[in-house]
Amino acid sequence: MEKRAHAIGEMLRRIEREVRGYPKAALFELASRGHASVFEQLVACILSIRTRDEVTLAVALRLFSAARTPGEVAALSRREVDSLIRPVSFHERKAGQIQALAARAAEEHGGRLPCDSSVLRSFPGVGPKCANLVLGIACGEPCIAVDVHVQRVTNRWGYVRARTPEATLRQLEERVPERYRIDLNRLLVPFGKHICTRVRPRCLTCPILVYCRQVGVTDHR
């Protein structure tokens, strides 16, 4: 098959149609349910680390039903937070991180975290991926968060060629127009989970096969 030059806008439009029937990525689903504050999104992103989306979503909803604002979360004991988030990976460590985050958000920011990457990354457990994802969803800023799906899929396309998330982020920031950056995260999670899978991707029915260089693909469906 003769491959076309990458056209990110058209590629994302085709992917959007393809993933319409699949669950949204956890943080985007939370935002659609009204949990779109910087604090809620940051807490949810901490919960999501090394945890499946379906678990992250359920646990975040359970936590926010008990305590939603920084003041409310800070008022819980560490044991109470840990009990609420127990199904996620590394729940004990995350309970401490979330409690510290809530206390600082309440004391230093009046309960409203700013849309400021340096502030978000100053909290334990928050790296570039979480900070960028929160800035995109909660603040509408044109940021790219490189998770395992964005890393794998964009390199498989041959759109970028990078071995680390940091290098992938730099290359994507050079190539992806700002208007598509939040959609890149919103769409590539379900696309990477259900279509462009790590093992035996569904290349034969993929809506963007004509654009994809299939880098590293040795077996597919």
Protein backbone atom coordinates (compact mmCIF):
# COMPACT_ATOMS: atom_id res chain seq x y z
CA MET A 1 0.00 0.00 0.00
CA GLU A 2 1.32 3.41 -0.96
CA LYS A 3 1.44 5.56 2.14
CA ARG A 4 0.20 9.14 2.29
CA ALA A 5 1.99 11.99 4.02
CA HIS A 6 0.87 12.38 7.62
CA ALA A 7 -2.11 14.72 7.96
CA ILE A 8 -2.77 14.92 11.68
CA GLY A 9 -6.11 16.71 11.43
CA GLU A 10 -7.60 14.15 9.06
CA MET A 11 -6.04 11.29 11.02
CA LEU A 12 -7.64 12.45 14.25
CA ARG A 13 -11.01 12.96 12.56
CA ARG A 14 -10.94 9.36 11.31
CA ILE A 15 -9.86 8.08 14.73
CA GLU A 16 -12.66 10.00 16.43
CA ARG A 17 -15.25 8.23 14.29
CA GLU A 18 -13.63 4.87 14.98
CA VAL A 19 -13.43 5.16 18.78
CA ARG A 20 -16.89 6.66 19.30
CA GLY A 21 -18.24 3.42 20.77
CA TYR A 22 -15.38 2.86 23.22
CA PRO A 23 -15.10 4.25 26.76
CA LYS A 24 -13.38 7.60 27.11
CA ALA A 25 -10.03 7.93 28.85
CA ALA A 26 -10.65 8.17 32.59
CA LEU A 27 -9.79 11.85 33.13
CA PHE A 28 -11.86 12.94 30.14
CA GLU A 29 -14.79 10.88 31.41
CA LEU A 30 -14.47 12.49 34.84
CA ALA A 31 -14.51 15.94 33.24
CA SER A 32 -17.66 15.04 31.31
CA ARG A 33 -19.27 14.12 34.65
CA GLY A 34 -18.47 17.51 36.17
CA HIS A 35 -15.15 16.72 37.84
CA ALA A 36 -13.13 19.16 35.78
CA SER A 37 -11.38 21.32 38.39
CA VAL A 38 -7.59 21.43 38.43
CA PHE A 39 -7.57 19.76 41.86
CA GLU A 40 -9.90 16.92 40.88
CA GLN A 41 -8.07 16.26 37.64
CA LEU A 42 -4.68 16.29 39.36
CA VAL A 43 -5.86 13.87 42.05
CA ALA A 44 -7.33 11.60 39.38
CA CYS A 45 -4.09 11.65 37.42
CA ILE A 46 -2.13 10.61 40.51
CA LEU A 47 -4.63 7.77 41.00
CA SER A 48 -4.20 6.72 37.37
CA ILE A 49 -0.47 6.02 37.54
CA ARG A 50 0.12 2.28 36.93
CA THR A 51 -3.64 1.74 37.22
CA ARG A 52 -6.21 0.74 34.58
CA ASP A 53 -8.63 3.43 33.44
CA GLU A 54 -11.73 1.59 34.62
CA VAL A 55 -10.27 1.30 38.13
CA THR A 56 -9.13 4.93 38.13
CA LEU A 57 -12.59 6.14 37.15
CA ALA A 58 -14.41 4.11 39.80
CA VAL A 59 -11.98 5.04 42.57
CA ALA A 60 -11.94 8.75 41.68
CA LEU A 61 -15.75 8.84 41.72
CA ARG A 62 -15.79 7.11 45.11
CA LEU A 63 -13.25 9.54 46.56
CA PHE A 64 -15.02 12.61 45.19
CA SER A 65 -18.37 11.42 46.50
CA ALA A 66 -16.81 11.49 49.98
CA ALA A 67 -14.63 14.58 49.59
CA ARG A 68 -14.33 16.75 46.54
CA THR A 69 -12.53 19.99 47.43
CA PRO A 70 -9.00 20.42 48.83
CA GLY A 71 -10.43 21.38 52.22
CA GLU A 72 -12.70 18.34 52.33
CA VAL A 73 -9.92 15.93 51.33
CA ALA A 74 -7.45 17.51 53.75
CA ALA A 75 -9.97 16.97 56.55
CA LEU A 76 -9.87 13.21 55.99
CA SER A 77 -7.29 11.10 57.77
CA ARG A 78 -4.64 9.37 55.72
CA ARG A 79 -6.24 6.06 56.68
CA GLU A 80 -9.62 7.27 55.35
CA VAL A 81 -8.07 8.39 52.05
CA ASP A 82 -6.22 5.09 51.75
CA SER A 83 -9.42 3.14 52.37
CA LEU A 84 -11.25 5.09 49.66
CA ILE A 85 -8.54 4.60 47.02
CA ARG A 86 -7.39 1.08 47.97
CA PRO A 87 -8.08 -0.57 44.55
CA VAL A 88 -5.44 1.57 42.77
CA SER A 89 -1.80 0.59 42.55
CA PHE A 90 0.50 1.95 45.29
CA HIS A 91 -2.55 3.17 47.21
CA GLU A 92 -0.70 3.83 50.46
CA ARG A 93 1.86 6.10 48.81
CA LYS A 94 -0.82 7.83 46.78
CA ALA A 95 -2.94 8.43 49.87
CA GLY A 96 -0.06 10.42 51.36
CA GLN A 97 0.53 12.32 48.12
CA ILE A 98 -3.15 13.21 47.78
CA GLN A 99 -3.45 14.33 51.38
CA ALA A 100 -0.33 16.52 51.05
CA LEU A 101 -1.65 17.93 47.77
CA ALA A 102 -5.02 18.77 49.35
CA ALA A 103 -3.43 20.45 52.38
CA ARG A 104 -1.15 22.63 50.26
CA ALA A 105 -3.93 23.49 47.82
CA ALA A 106 -6.11 24.63 50.72
CA GLU A 107 -3.40 26.49 52.63
CA GLU A 108 -1.32 28.02 49.82
CA HIS A 109 -3.90 28.50 47.06
CA GLY A 110 -7.17 29.08 48.86
CA GLY A 111 -8.56 25.79 47.61
CA ARG A 112 -8.16 26.67 43.92
CA LEU A 113 -5.08 25.37 42.18
CA PRO A 114 -3.82 27.63 39.36
CA CYS A 115 -3.28 26.63 35.75
CA ASP A 116 0.47 26.77 36.21
CA SER A 117 2.73 23.89 35.23
CA SER A 118 5.45 24.78 37.72
CA VAL A 119 2.93 24.77 40.57
CA LEU A 120 1.40 21.46 39.53
CA ARG A 121 4.79 19.80 39.12
CA SER A 122 5.86 20.95 42.56
CA PHE A 123 3.56 18.37 44.16
CA PRO A 124 4.97 14.89 44.91
CA GLY A 125 3.84 12.31 42.36
CA VAL A 126 3.14 14.86 39.61
CA GLY A 127 5.36 14.72 36.53
CA PRO A 128 5.16 16.29 33.06
CA LYS A 129 2.51 13.84 31.85
CA CYS A 130 0.05 14.58 34.65
CA ALA A 131 0.74 18.31 34.62
CA ASN A 132 0.17 18.57 30.86
CA LEU A 133 -2.92 16.38 30.93
CA VAL A 134 -4.50 18.47 33.69
CA LEU A 135 -3.62 21.73 31.95
CA GLY A 136 -5.27 20.45 28.79
CA ILE A 137 -8.47 19.12 30.35
CA ALA A 138 -9.04 21.50 33.26
CA CYS A 139 -7.57 24.66 31.75
CA GLY A 140 -7.99 24.20 28.00
CA GLU A 141 -4.30 24.86 27.43
CA PRO A 142 -2.78 23.27 24.28
CA CYS A 143 -0.62 20.72 26.06
CA ILE A 144 0.41 17.21 25.09
CA ALA A 145 0.68 14.45 27.68
CA VAL A 146 2.79 11.52 26.52
CA ASP A 147 1.45 8.33 28.10
CA VAL A 148 2.13 4.78 26.93
CA HIS A 149 -0.50 5.03 24.18
CA VAL A 150 0.68 8.36 22.75
CA GLN A 151 4.27 7.10 22.92
CA ARG A 152 3.56 3.83 21.12
CA VAL A 153 1.04 5.02 18.54
CA THR A 154 2.80 8.15 17.30
CA ASN A 155 6.10 6.28 16.97
CA ARG A 156 4.35 3.38 15.22
CA TRP A 157 2.91 5.85 12.74
CA GLY A 158 6.43 7.09 12.01
CA TYR A 159 5.11 10.55 12.88
CA VAL A 160 7.88 10.86 15.47
CA ARG A 161 10.94 8.74 16.12
CA ALA A 162 11.83 8.82 19.79
CA ARG A 163 12.69 6.28 22.44
CA THR A 164 11.64 8.23 25.51
CA PRO A 165 8.43 10.09 26.45
CA GLU A 166 10.47 13.28 26.85
CA ALA A 167 11.84 13.05 23.32
CA THR A 168 8.42 12.13 21.94
CA LEU A 169 6.92 15.18 23.66
CA ARG A 170 9.52 17.50 22.14
CA GLN A 171 8.93 16.15 18.65
CA LEU A 172 5.14 16.26 18.98
CA GLU A 173 5.28 19.85 20.19
CA GLU A 174 7.25 20.71 17.05
CA ARG A 175 4.79 18.96 14.73
CA VAL A 176 1.27 19.04 16.18
CA PRO A 177 -0.66 22.32 15.76
CA GLU A 178 -2.03 23.64 19.03
CA ARG A 179 -5.67 23.10 18.01
CA TYR A 180 -5.14 19.31 17.88
CA ARG A 181 -3.07 18.79 21.04
CA ILE A 182 -5.83 18.07 23.57
CA ASP A 183 -7.59 15.82 21.05
CA LEU A 184 -4.36 13.86 20.65
CA ASN A 185 -4.64 12.74 24.27
CA ARG A 186 -8.41 12.38 24.22
CA LEU A 187 -8.41 10.08 21.19
CA LEU A 188 -5.17 8.10 21.31
CA VAL A 189 -5.97 6.43 24.64
CA PRO A 190 -9.06 4.55 23.38
CA PHE A 191 -7.40 4.13 19.98
CA GLY A 192 -4.29 2.62 21.55
CA LYS A 193 -6.25 0.41 23.93
CA HIS A 194 -8.68 -1.06 21.40
CA ILE A 195 -7.33 -0.65 17.86
CA CYS A 196 -3.63 0.21 17.71
CA THR A 197 -2.90 -2.29 20.48
CA ARG A 198 0.57 -3.13 21.75
CA VAL A 199 0.31 -6.74 20.52
CA ARG A 200 -1.24 -7.59 17.15
CA PRO A 201 -2.79 -4.21 16.31
CA ARG A 202 -5.92 -4.16 14.16
CA CYS A 203 -4.14 -2.86 11.07
CA LEU A 204 -6.46 -4.45 8.48
CA THR A 205 -9.45 -2.39 9.62
CA CYS A 206 -7.59 0.66 10.91
CA PRO A 207 -9.05 3.91 9.53
CA ILE A 208 -5.62 5.51 9.18
CA LEU A 209 -3.61 2.60 7.78
CA VAL A 210 -2.85 4.64 4.67
CA TYR A 211 -0.98 7.16 6.84
CA CYS A 212 0.74 4.67 9.16
CA ARG A 213 4.28 3.40 8.54
CA GLN A 214 3.63 0.46 10.91
CA VAL A 215 7.04 0.89 12.51
CA GLY A 216 7.95 -2.19 14.52
CA VAL A 217 4.77 -4.12 13.61
CA THR A 218 5.63 -7.73 12.86
CA ASP A 219 2.18 -9.28 13.36
CA HIS A 220 -1.25 -7.74 13.08
CA ARG A 221 -4.94 -8.46 12.62
